[in-house]
PDB file of N, CA and C in Angstrom:
ATOM      1  N   MET A   1     -10.757  24.386  -7.386  1.00  0.00           N
ATOM      2  CA  MET A   1     -10.014  23.737  -7.440  1.00  0.00           C
ATOM      3  C   MET A   1     -10.012  22.067  -8.216  1.00  0.00           C
ATOM      4  N   SER A   2      -9.209  21.682  -9.046  1.00  0.00           N
ATOM      5  CA  SER A   2      -9.623  20.645  -9.524  1.00  0.00           C
ATOM      6  C   SER A   2      -9.193  19.548  -8.674  1.00  0.00           C
ATOM      7  N   ASP A   3      -9.773  18.216  -9.085  1.00  0.00           N
ATOM      8  CA  ASP A   3      -9.137  16.733  -8.177  1.00  0.00           C
ATOM      9  C   ASP A   3      -7.590  16.784  -8.312  1.00  0.00           C
ATOM     10  N   ASP A   4      -6.726  17.191  -9.774  1.00  0.00           N
ATOM     11  CA  ASP A   4      -5.390  17.103  -9.704  1.00  0.00           C
ATOM     12  C   ASP A   4      -4.823  18.658  -8.607  1.00  0.00           C
ATOM     13  N   ALA A   5      -5.436  19.302  -8.337  1.00  0.00           N
ATOM     14  CA  ALA A   5      -5.314  20.728  -7.237  1.00  0.00           C
ATOM     15  C   ALA A   5      -5.058  19.667  -5.798  1.00  0.00           C
ATOM     16  N   LEU A   6      -5.951  19.102  -5.632  1.00  0.00           N
ATOM     17  CA  LEU A   6      -6.467  19.073  -4.495  1.00  0.00           C
ATOM     18  C   LEU A   6      -5.819  17.297  -4.446  1.00  0.00           C
ATOM     19  N   LEU A   7      -5.041  16.765  -5.014  1.00  0.00           N
ATOM     20  CA  LEU A   7      -4.284  15.559  -5.352  1.00  0.00           C
ATOM     21  C   LEU A   7      -2.884  15.953  -5.045  1.00  0.00           C
ATOM     22  N   ARG A   8      -2.522  17.369  -5.780  1.00  0.00           N
ATOM     23  CA  ARG A   8      -1.164  17.528  -5.591  1.00  0.00           C
ATOM     24  C   ARG A   8      -1.063  18.054  -3.930  1.00  0.00           C
ATOM     25  N   LEU A   9      -2.077  18.641  -3.829  1.00  0.00           N
ATOM     26  CA  LEU A   9      -1.988  19.380  -2.521  1.00  0.00           C
ATOM     27  C   LEU A   9      -1.456  18.675  -0.992  1.00  0.00           C
ATOM     28  N   ALA A  10      -2.521  17.489  -1.167  1.00  0.00           N
ATOM     29  CA  ALA A  10      -2.478  16.345  -0.268  1.00  0.00           C
ATOM     30  C   ALA A  10      -1.050  15.696  -0.546  1.00  0.00           C
ATOM     31  N   ARG A  11      -0.348  15.439  -1.749  1.00  0.00           N
ATOM     32  CA  ARG A  11       1.068  14.976  -2.004  1.00  0.00           C
ATOM     33  C   ARG A  11       1.835  15.822  -1.363  1.00  0.00           C
ATOM     34  N   THR A  12       1.836  17.059  -1.375  1.00  0.00           N
ATOM     35  CA  THR A  12       2.808  18.153  -0.863  1.00  0.00           C
ATOM     36  C   THR A  12       2.859  18.139   0.196  1.00  0.00           C
ATOM     37  N   ILE A  13       1.625  18.345   1.065  1.00  0.00           N
ATOM     38  CA  ILE A  13       1.710  18.120   2.430  1.00  0.00           C
ATOM     39  C   ILE A  13       2.394  16.556   2.643  1.00  0.00           C
ATOM     40  N   GLU A  14       2.042  15.969   2.441  1.00  0.00           N
ATOM     41  CA  GLU A  14       2.495  14.179   2.700  1.00  0.00           C
ATOM     42  C   GLU A  14       4.437  14.450   2.504  1.00  0.00           C
ATOM     43  N   ALA A  15       4.666  14.915   1.512  1.00  0.00           N
ATOM     44  CA  ALA A  15       6.085  15.089   1.575  1.00  0.00           C
ATOM     45  C   ALA A  15       6.713  16.446   2.494  1.00  0.00           C
ATOM     46  N   ARG A  16       6.211  17.050   2.829  1.00  0.00           N
ATOM     47  CA  ARG A  16       6.903  17.795   3.998  1.00  0.00           C
ATOM     48  C   ARG A  16       6.699  17.310   5.371  1.00  0.00           C
ATOM     49  N   ARG A  17       6.058  16.430   5.578  1.00  0.00           N
ATOM     50  CA  ARG A  17       6.096  15.655   6.871  1.00  0.00           C
ATOM     51  C   ARG A  17       7.464  14.973   7.389  1.00  0.00           C
ATOM     52  N   GLY A  18       7.835  15.527   8.530  1.00  0.00           N
ATOM     53  CA  GLY A  18       9.199  15.420   8.742  1.00  0.00           C
ATOM     54  C   GLY A  18      10.614  16.258   8.242  1.00  0.00           C
ATOM     55  N   ALA A  19       9.684  16.846   7.065  1.00  0.00           N
ATOM     56  CA  ALA A  19      10.850  17.984   6.835  1.00  0.00           C
ATOM     57  C   ALA A  19      11.449  19.176   7.875  1.00  0.00           C
ATOM     58  N   GLU A  20      12.353  19.808   7.900  1.00  0.00           N
ATOM     59  CA  GLU A  20      12.630  21.046   8.984  1.00  0.00           C
ATOM     60  C   GLU A  20      12.193  21.943   8.950  1.00  0.00           C
ATOM     61  N   PRO A  21      11.181  21.698  10.349  1.00  0.00           N
ATOM     62  CA  PRO A  21      10.517  23.031  10.193  1.00  0.00           C
ATOM     63  C   PRO A  21      10.240  24.363   9.745  1.00  0.00           C
ATOM     64  N   GLY A  22      11.728  24.773   9.957  1.00  0.00           N
ATOM     65  CA  GLY A  22      11.685  26.275   9.070  1.00  0.00           C
ATOM     66  C   GLY A  22      11.699  26.005   7.534  1.00  0.00           C
ATOM     67  N   SER A  23      11.629  24.836   7.342  1.00  0.00           N
ATOM     68  CA  SER A  23      11.951  24.763   5.549  1.00  0.00           C
ATOM     69  C   SER A  23       9.903  25.210   5.117  1.00  0.00           C
ATOM     70  N   SER A  24       8.757  25.010   5.756  1.00  0.00           N
ATOM     71  CA  SER A  24       7.913  25.352   4.899  1.00  0.00           C
ATOM     72  C   SER A  24       7.327  25.766   6.152  1.00  0.00           C
ATOM     73  N   TRP A  25       5.492  26.329   5.698  1.00  0.00           N
ATOM     74  CA  TRP A  25       4.389  26.617   6.912  1.00  0.00           C
ATOM     75  C   TRP A  25       4.104  25.179   7.211  1.00  0.00           C
ATOM     76  N   THR A  26       4.050  24.049   6.246  1.00  0.00           N
ATOM     77  CA  THR A  26       3.090  22.983   6.621  1.00  0.00           C
ATOM     78  C   THR A  26       4.120  21.741   7.139  1.00  0.00           C
ATOM     79  N   ALA A  27       5.644  22.064   6.939  1.00  0.00           N
ATOM     80  CA  ALA A  27       6.722  21.248   7.945  1.00  0.00           C
ATOM     81  C   ALA A  27       6.594  21.792   9.655  1.00  0.00           C
ATOM     82  N   THR A  28       6.585  22.851   9.601  1.00  0.00           N
ATOM     83  CA  THR A  28       6.233  23.797  11.051  1.00  0.00           C
ATOM     84  C   THR A  28       5.259  23.252  11.762  1.00  0.00           C
ATOM     85  N   LEU A  29       4.103  23.344  10.592  1.00  0.00           N
ATOM     86  CA  LEU A  29       2.822  23.152  11.746  1.00  0.00           C
ATOM     87  C   LEU A  29       2.743  21.583  12.130  1.00  0.00           C
ATOM     88  N   LEU A  30       3.178  20.730  11.390  1.00  0.00           N
ATOM     89  CA  LEU A  30       3.452  19.318  11.299  1.00  0.00           C
ATOM     90  C   LEU A  30       4.533  19.038  12.859  1.00  0.00           C
ATOM     91  N   SER A  31       5.134  19.557  12.815  1.00  0.00           N
ATOM     92  CA  SER A  31       6.104  19.588  13.543  1.00  0.00           C
ATOM     93  C   SER A  31       5.382  19.894  15.302  1.00  0.00           C
ATOM     94  N   LYS A  32       4.544  21.089  15.104  1.00  0.00           N
ATOM     95  CA  LYS A  32       4.051  21.401  16.298  1.00  0.00           C
ATOM     96  C   LYS A  32       2.980  20.049  16.893  1.00  0.00           C
ATOM     97  N   GLY A  33       2.779  19.443  15.974  1.00  0.00           N
ATOM     98  CA  GLY A  33       1.741  18.337  16.611  1.00  0.00           C
ATOM     99  C   GLY A  33       0.380  18.369  16.010  1.00  0.00           C
ATOM    100  N   PRO A  34      -0.480  17.218  15.955  1.00  0.00           N
ATOM    101  CA  PRO A  34      -1.860  17.478  15.964  1.00  0.00           C
ATOM    102  C   PRO A  34      -2.777  18.342  16.253  1.00  0.00           C
ATOM    103  N   GLU A  35      -2.552  18.143  17.809  1.00  0.00           N
ATOM    104  CA  GLU A  35      -3.361  19.610  18.477  1.00  0.00           C
ATOM    105  C   GLU A  35      -3.345  21.103  18.195  1.00  0.00           C
ATOM    106  N   LYS A  36      -2.157  21.029  17.754  1.00  0.00           N
ATOM    107  CA  LYS A  36      -1.971  22.472  17.064  1.00  0.00           C
ATOM    108  C   LYS A  36      -2.252  22.955  15.400  1.00  0.00           C
ATOM    109  N   CYS A  37      -2.147  21.687  14.762  1.00  0.00           N
ATOM    110  CA  CYS A  37      -2.760  21.774  13.802  1.00  0.00           C
ATOM    111  C   CYS A  37      -4.382  21.480  14.070  1.00  0.00           C
ATOM    112  N   ALA A  38      -5.065  20.950  14.367  1.00  0.00           N
ATOM    113  CA  ALA A  38      -6.344  21.157  14.649  1.00  0.00           C
ATOM    114  C   ALA A  38      -6.935  22.794  15.148  1.00  0.00           C
ATOM    115  N   GLU A  39      -5.692  22.956  16.462  1.00  0.00           N
ATOM    116  CA  GLU A  39      -6.560  24.806  16.743  1.00  0.00           C
ATOM    117  C   GLU A  39      -6.093  25.635  15.306  1.00  0.00           C
ATOM    118  N   LYS A  40      -5.250  25.445  14.690  1.00  0.00           N
ATOM    119  CA  LYS A  40      -5.098  26.336  13.490  1.00  0.00           C
ATOM    120  C   LYS A  40      -6.561  26.187  12.260  1.00  0.00           C
ATOM    121  N   PHE A  41      -7.386  24.794  12.016  1.00  0.00           N
ATOM    122  CA  PHE A  41      -8.011  24.286  11.327  1.00  0.00           C
ATOM    123  C   PHE A  41      -8.932  24.951  11.813  1.00  0.00           C
ATOM    124  N   GLY A  42      -9.118  24.657  13.298  1.00  0.00           N
ATOM    125  CA  GLY A  42     -10.317  25.594  13.936  1.00  0.00           C
ATOM    126  C   GLY A  42     -10.469  27.064  13.762  1.00  0.00           C
ATOM    127  N   GLU A  43      -8.984  27.901  13.793  1.00  0.00           N
ATOM    128  CA  GLU A  43      -9.354  29.231  13.309  1.00  0.00           C
ATOM    129  C   GLU A  43      -9.525  29.788  11.944  1.00  0.00           C
ATOM    130  N   GLU A  44      -8.989  28.738  10.979  1.00  0.00           N
ATOM    131  CA  GLU A  44      -9.746  28.875   9.738  1.00  0.00           C
ATOM    132  C   GLU A  44     -10.768  28.494   9.462  1.00  0.00           C
ATOM    133  N   ALA A  45     -11.590  27.463   9.972  1.00  0.00           N
ATOM    134  CA  ALA A  45     -12.996  27.581   9.900  1.00  0.00           C
ATOM    135  C   ALA A  45     -13.472  28.598  10.652  1.00  0.00           C
ATOM    136  N   VAL A  46     -13.180  29.152  11.442  1.00  0.00           N
ATOM    137  CA  VAL A  46     -14.119  30.477  12.089  1.00  0.00           C
ATOM    138  C   VAL A  46     -13.948  31.573  11.055  1.00  0.00           C
ATOM    139  N   GLU A  47     -12.844  32.135  10.482  1.00  0.00           N
ATOM    140  CA  GLU A  47     -12.532  32.719   9.468  1.00  0.00           C
ATOM    141  C   GLU A  47     -13.506  32.523   8.213  1.00  0.00           C
ATOM    142  N   ALA A  48     -13.897  31.262   7.746  1.00  0.00           N
ATOM    143  CA  ALA A  48     -14.604  31.296   6.571  1.00  0.00           C
ATOM    144  C   ALA A  48     -15.996  31.602   7.179  1.00  0.00           C
ATOM    145  N   VAL A  49     -16.353  31.145   8.160  1.00  0.00           N
ATOM    146  CA  VAL A  49     -17.569  31.113   8.831  1.00  0.00           C
ATOM    147  C   VAL A  49     -17.995  32.871   8.706  1.00  0.00           C
ATOM    148  N   ILE A  50     -17.332  33.420   9.258  1.00  0.00           N
ATOM    149  CA  ILE A  50     -17.295  35.317   9.271  1.00  0.00           C
ATOM    150  C   ILE A  50     -17.783  35.855   7.979  1.00  0.00           C
ATOM    151  N   GLU A  51     -16.576  35.050   7.010  1.00  0.00           N
ATOM    152  CA  GLU A  51     -16.656  35.409   5.643  1.00  0.00           C
ATOM    153  C   GLU A  51     -18.231  34.916   5.269  1.00  0.00           C
ATOM    154  N   ALA A  52     -18.844  34.258   5.313  1.00  0.00           N
ATOM    155  CA  ALA A  52     -19.647  33.509   4.619  1.00  0.00           C
ATOM    156  C   ALA A  52     -20.907  34.511   4.957  1.00  0.00           C
ATOM    157  N   VAL A  53     -20.588  34.805   6.608  1.00  0.00           N
ATOM    158  CA  VAL A  53     -21.966  35.600   6.867  1.00  0.00           C
ATOM    159  C   VAL A  53     -21.674  37.171   6.684  1.00  0.00           C
ATOM    160  N   ARG A  54     -20.682  37.427   6.597  1.00  0.00           N
ATOM    161  CA  ARG A  54     -20.733  38.922   5.741  1.00  0.00           C
ATOM    162  C   ARG A  54     -21.210  38.463   4.134  1.00  0.00           C
ATOM    163  N   GLY A  55     -20.901  37.899   3.720  1.00  0.00           N
ATOM    164  CA  GLY A  55     -21.170  37.699   2.038  1.00  0.00           C
ATOM    165  C   GLY A  55     -20.099  38.007   1.044  1.00  0.00           C
ATOM    166  N   ASP A  56     -18.687  38.035   2.064  1.00  0.00           N
ATOM    167  CA  ASP A  56     -17.926  38.519   0.552  1.00  0.00           C
ATOM    168  C   ASP A  56     -17.452  37.081  -0.222  1.00  0.00           C
ATOM    169  N   ARG A  57     -17.707  37.216  -1.266  1.00  0.00           N
ATOM    170  CA  ARG A  57     -17.758  36.133  -1.654  1.00  0.00           C
ATOM    171  C   ARG A  57     -16.064  35.621  -2.489  1.00  0.00           C
ATOM    172  N   ASP A  58     -15.195  36.844  -2.867  1.00  0.00           N
ATOM    173  CA  ASP A  58     -13.481  36.690  -2.707  1.00  0.00           C
ATOM    174  C   ASP A  58     -12.878  36.568  -1.688  1.00  0.00           C
ATOM    175  N   ARG A  59     -13.762  36.798  -0.317  1.00  0.00           N
ATOM    176  CA  ARG A  59     -13.068  36.706   1.374  1.00  0.00           C
ATOM    177  C   ARG A  59     -13.523  35.100   1.323  1.00  0.00           C
ATOM    178  N   LEU A  60     -14.561  34.835   1.094  1.00  0.00           N
ATOM    179  CA  LEU A  60     -14.946  33.178   1.772  1.00  0.00           C
ATOM    180  C   LEU A  60     -14.223  32.171   0.438  1.00  0.00           C
ATOM    181  N   THR A  61     -13.925  32.670  -0.418  1.00  0.00           N
ATOM    182  CA  THR A  61     -13.191  31.722  -1.389  1.00  0.00           C
ATOM    183  C   THR A  61     -12.106  31.638  -1.136  1.00  0.00           C
ATOM    184  N   ALA A  62     -11.504  32.599  -0.420  1.00  0.00           N
ATOM    185  CA  ALA A  62     -10.096  32.434  -0.020  1.00  0.00           C
ATOM    186  C   ALA A  62      -9.837  31.587   1.150  1.00  0.00           C
ATOM    187  N   GLU A  63     -10.961  32.197   2.336  1.00  0.00           N
ATOM    188  CA  GLU A  63     -10.759  30.916   3.780  1.00  0.00           C
ATOM    189  C   GLU A  63     -11.118  29.982   3.374  1.00  0.00           C
ATOM    190  N   ALA A  64     -11.863  29.464   2.438  1.00  0.00           N
ATOM    191  CA  ALA A  64     -12.529  28.405   2.097  1.00  0.00           C
ATOM    192  C   ALA A  64     -11.171  27.396   1.497  1.00  0.00           C
ATOM    193  N   ALA A  65     -10.358  28.085   1.221  1.00  0.00           N
ATOM    194  CA  ALA A  65      -9.291  27.551   0.534  1.00  0.00           C
ATOM    195  C   ALA A  65      -8.017  27.127   1.300  1.00  0.00           C
ATOM    196  N   ASP A  66      -8.199  27.897   2.364  1.00  0.00           N
ATOM    197  CA  ASP A  66      -7.576  27.956   3.739  1.00  0.00           C
ATOM    198  C   ASP A  66      -7.830  26.900   5.239  1.00  0.00           C
ATOM    199  N   VAL A  67      -9.041  26.669   4.657  1.00  0.00           N
ATOM    200  CA  VAL A  67      -9.772  25.361   5.645  1.00  0.00           C
ATOM    201  C   VAL A  67      -9.625  24.246   4.842  1.00  0.00           C
ATOM    202  N   ILE A  68      -9.391  23.966   3.685  1.00  0.00           N
ATOM    203  CA  ILE A  68      -9.369  22.620   3.010  1.00  0.00           C
ATOM    204  C   ILE A  68      -7.650  22.538   2.977  1.00  0.00           C
ATOM    205  N   TYR A  69      -6.883  23.657   3.176  1.00  0.00           N
ATOM    206  CA  TYR A  69      -5.448  23.445   3.153  1.00  0.00           C
ATOM    207  C   TYR A  69      -4.923  22.833   4.934  1.00  0.00           C
ATOM    208  N   HIS A  70      -5.650  23.539   5.748  1.00  0.00           N
ATOM    209  CA  HIS A  70      -5.705  23.385   7.012  1.00  0.00           C
ATOM    210  C   HIS A  70      -6.326  21.716   7.215  1.00  0.00           C
ATOM    211  N   LEU A  71      -7.292  21.601   6.777  1.00  0.00           N
ATOM    212  CA  LEU A  71      -8.028  20.270   7.225  1.00  0.00           C
ATOM    213  C   LEU A  71      -7.041  19.094   6.564  1.00  0.00           C
ATOM    214  N   LEU A  72      -6.809  18.988   5.853  1.00  0.00           N
ATOM    215  CA  LEU A  72      -5.530  18.080   5.142  1.00  0.00           C
ATOM    216  C   LEU A  72      -4.057  18.116   5.640  1.00  0.00           C
ATOM    217  N   VAL A  73      -4.097  19.118   6.443  1.00  0.00           N
ATOM    218  CA  VAL A  73      -2.631  19.134   7.353  1.00  0.00           C
ATOM    219  C   VAL A  73      -3.112  18.745   8.652  1.00  0.00           C
ATOM    220  N   MET A  74      -4.255  19.061   9.248  1.00  0.00           N
ATOM    221  CA  MET A  74      -4.359  18.313  10.597  1.00  0.00           C
ATOM    222  C   MET A  74      -4.826  16.742  10.471  1.00  0.00           C
ATOM    223  N   CYS A  75      -5.674  16.563   9.180  1.00  0.00           N
ATOM    224  CA  CYS A  75      -5.876  14.856   8.873  1.00  0.00           C
ATOM    225  C   CYS A  75      -4.150  14.184   8.856  1.00  0.00           C
ATOM    226  N   ALA A  76      -3.298  14.912   8.235  1.00  0.00           N
ATOM    227  CA  ALA A  76      -1.751  13.930   7.912  1.00  0.00           C
ATOM    228  C   ALA A  76      -1.609  13.941   9.502  1.00  0.00           C
ATOM    229  N   ALA A  77      -1.785  14.535   9.828  1.00  0.00           N
ATOM    230  CA  ALA A  77      -0.919  15.010  11.767  1.00  0.00           C
ATOM    231  C   ALA A  77      -1.564  13.718  12.530  1.00  0.00           C
ATOM    232  N   ARG A  78      -3.013  13.104  11.808  1.00  0.00           N
ATOM    233  CA  ARG A  78      -3.509  11.619  12.431  1.00  0.00           C
ATOM    234  C   ARG A  78      -3.014  11.236  11.452  1.00  0.00           C
ATOM    235  N   ASP A  79      -2.281  11.145  10.629  1.00  0.00           N
ATOM    236  CA  ASP A  79      -2.208  10.291   9.845  1.00  0.00           C
ATOM    237  C   ASP A  79      -3.385   9.237   8.744  1.00  0.00           C
ATOM    238  N   VAL A  80      -4.198  10.405   8.747  1.00  0.00           N
ATOM    239  CA  VAL A  80      -5.490  10.541   7.514  1.00  0.00           C
ATOM    240  C   VAL A  80      -5.309  10.639   6.289  1.00  0.00           C
ATOM    241  N   SER A  81      -5.552  10.234   5.493  1.00  0.00           N
ATOM    242  CA  SER A  81      -5.060  10.869   3.765  1.00  0.00           C
ATOM    243  C   SER A  81      -5.986  10.839   3.366  1.00  0.00           C
ATOM    244  N   LEU A  82      -5.726  11.809   2.512  1.00  0.00           N
ATOM    245  CA  LEU A  82      -6.867  12.711   1.309  1.00  0.00           C
ATOM    246  C   LEU A  82      -7.650  11.086   0.903  1.00  0.00           C
ATOM    247  N   SER A  83      -7.056   9.769   0.969  1.00  0.00           N
ATOM    248  CA  SER A  83      -7.438   9.180   0.026  1.00  0.00           C
ATOM    249  C   SER A  83      -8.470   7.977   0.845  1.00  0.00           C
ATOM    250  N   GLU A  84      -8.275   8.178   2.212  1.00  0.00           N
ATOM    251  CA  GLU A  84      -8.997   7.564   3.224  1.00  0.00           C
ATOM    252  C   GLU A  84     -10.735   8.435   3.439  1.00  0.00           C
ATOM    253  N   ILE A  85     -10.148   9.859   3.077  1.00  0.00           N
ATOM    254  CA  ILE A  85     -11.382  10.327   2.888  1.00  0.00           C
ATOM    255  C   ILE A  85     -12.580  10.826   1.774  1.00  0.00           C
ATOM    256  N   VAL A  86     -11.474  10.470   0.730  1.00  0.00           N
ATOM    257  CA  VAL A  86     -12.542  10.402  -0.228  1.00  0.00           C
ATOM    258  C   VAL A  86     -13.412   9.053  -0.185  1.00  0.00           C
ATOM    259  N   ALA A  87     -12.515   7.664   0.330  1.00  0.00           N
ATOM    260  CA  ALA A  87     -13.145   6.689   0.177  1.00  0.00           C
ATOM    261  C   ALA A  87     -14.504   6.906   0.920  1.00  0.00           C
ATOM    262  N   GLU A  88     -13.999   7.669   2.431  1.00  0.00           N
ATOM    263  CA  GLU A  88     -15.630   7.741   3.023  1.00  0.00           C
ATOM    264  C   GLU A  88     -16.769   8.367   2.403  1.00  0.00           C
ATOM    265  N   LEU A  89     -16.298   9.558   1.470  1.00  0.00           N
ATOM    266  CA  LEU A  89     -17.359  10.215   0.860  1.00  0.00           C
ATOM    267  C   LEU A  89     -17.771   9.059  -0.346  1.00  0.00           C
ATOM    268  N   ALA A  90     -17.161   8.451  -0.781  1.00  0.00           N
ATOM    269  CA  ALA A  90     -17.292   6.899  -2.180  1.00  0.00           C
ATOM    270  C   ALA A  90     -18.555   6.785  -0.825  1.00  0.00           C
ATOM    271  N   ARG A  91     -17.899   5.747  -0.118  1.00  0.00           N
ATOM    272  CA  ARG A  91     -18.915   5.005   0.831  1.00  0.00           C
ATOM    273  C   ARG A  91     -20.417   5.596   1.104  1.00  0.00           C
ATOM    274  N   ARG A  92     -20.665   7.023   1.212  1.00  0.00           N
ATOM    275  CA  ARG A  92     -21.423   7.537   1.741  1.00  0.00           C
ATOM    276  C   ARG A  92     -22.418   8.091   0.480  1.00  0.00           C
ATOM    277  N   GLU A  93     -21.972   7.895  -0.650  1.00  0.00           N
ATOM    278  CA  GLU A  93     -22.501   8.642  -1.827  1.00  0.00           C
ATOM    279  C   GLU A  93     -23.843   7.846  -2.172  1.00  0.00           C
ATOM    280  N   GLY A  94     -24.628   8.837  -2.655  1.00  0.00           N
ATOM    281  CA  GLY A  94     -26.071   7.921  -3.085  1.00  0.00           C
ATOM    282  C   GLY A  94     -26.993   7.870  -1.816  1.00  0.00           C
ATOM    283  N   GLU A  95     -26.199   8.473  -0.499  1.00  0.00           N
ATOM    284  CA  GLU A  95     -26.854   7.638   0.822  1.00  0.00           C
ATOM    285  C   GLU A  95     -27.800   9.035   1.307  1.00  0.00           C
ATOM    286  N   SER A  96     -28.942   8.971   1.903  1.00  0.00           N
ATOM    287  CA  SER A  96     -29.830  10.356   2.213  1.00  0.00           C
ATOM    288  C   SER A  96     -28.924  10.401   3.538  1.00  0.00           C
ATOM    289  N   GLY A  97     -28.526  11.887   3.731  1.00  0.00           N
ATOM    290  CA  GLY A  97     -28.041  12.460   4.747  1.00  0.00           C
ATOM    291  C   GLY A  97     -28.722  12.115   6.081  1.00  0.00           C
ATOM    292  N   LEU A  98     -30.226  12.164   5.805  1.00  0.00           N
ATOM    293  CA  LEU A  98     -31.113  12.360   6.997  1.00  0.00           C
ATOM    294  C   LEU A  98     -30.735  10.520   7.308  1.00  0.00           C
ATOM    295  N   SER A  99     -30.644   9.904   6.607  1.00  0.00           N
ATOM    296  CA  SER A  99     -30.624   8.216   7.027  1.00  0.00           C
ATOM    297  C   SER A  99     -29.336   8.020   7.615  1.00  0.00           C
ATOM    298  N   GLU A 100     -28.306   8.582   7.312  1.00  0.00           N
ATOM    299  CA  GLU A 100     -27.004   8.736   7.721  1.00  0.00           C
ATOM    300  C   GLU A 100     -27.011   8.804   9.047  1.00  0.00           C
ATOM    301  N   LYS A 101     -27.773  10.267   8.988  1.00  0.00           N
ATOM    302  CA  LYS A 101     -27.624  10.700  11.077  1.00  0.00           C
ATOM    303  C   LYS A 101     -28.276   9.903  11.518  1.00  0.00           C
ATOM    304  N   ALA A 102     -29.047   9.638  11.195  1.00  0.00           N
ATOM    305  CA  ALA A 102     -30.533   8.776  12.019  1.00  0.00           C
ATOM    306  C   ALA A 102     -30.203   7.253  12.729  1.00  0.00           C
ATOM    307  N   ARG A 103     -28.574   7.190  12.257  1.00  0.00           N
ATOM    308  CA  ARG A 103     -27.915   5.609  12.623  1.00  0.00           C
ATOM    309  C   ARG A 103     -26.930   5.792  13.257  1.00  0.00           C
ATOM    310  N   ARG A 104     -26.659   7.370  13.743  1.00  0.00           N
ATOM    311  CA  ARG A 104     -25.209   7.571  14.936  1.00  0.00           C
ATOM    312  C   ARG A 104     -25.936   7.454  16.021  1.00  0.00           C
TER     313      ARG A 104
END
């Protein structure tokens, strides 16, 4: 997925916020609230883990795409944008993961 595709996905999710629930899967999920969006993200994450353990590359790729989509939906349900996530990643760039975890 290119950066552009990820941005388009985030924009599509944002555009579907407040849309008629039956008009799209995204609108349906968002209409059910943040808790349901989080539950669906968790389900997709578990499915990706299962495929990673099984070693099926194609299935893992498909499940990883589902995870990214559902992560963005979950974050949108709590008003966290892709740009905020990207800014946090940029802030962490070049920082050792070990150092970052030690500060928590």
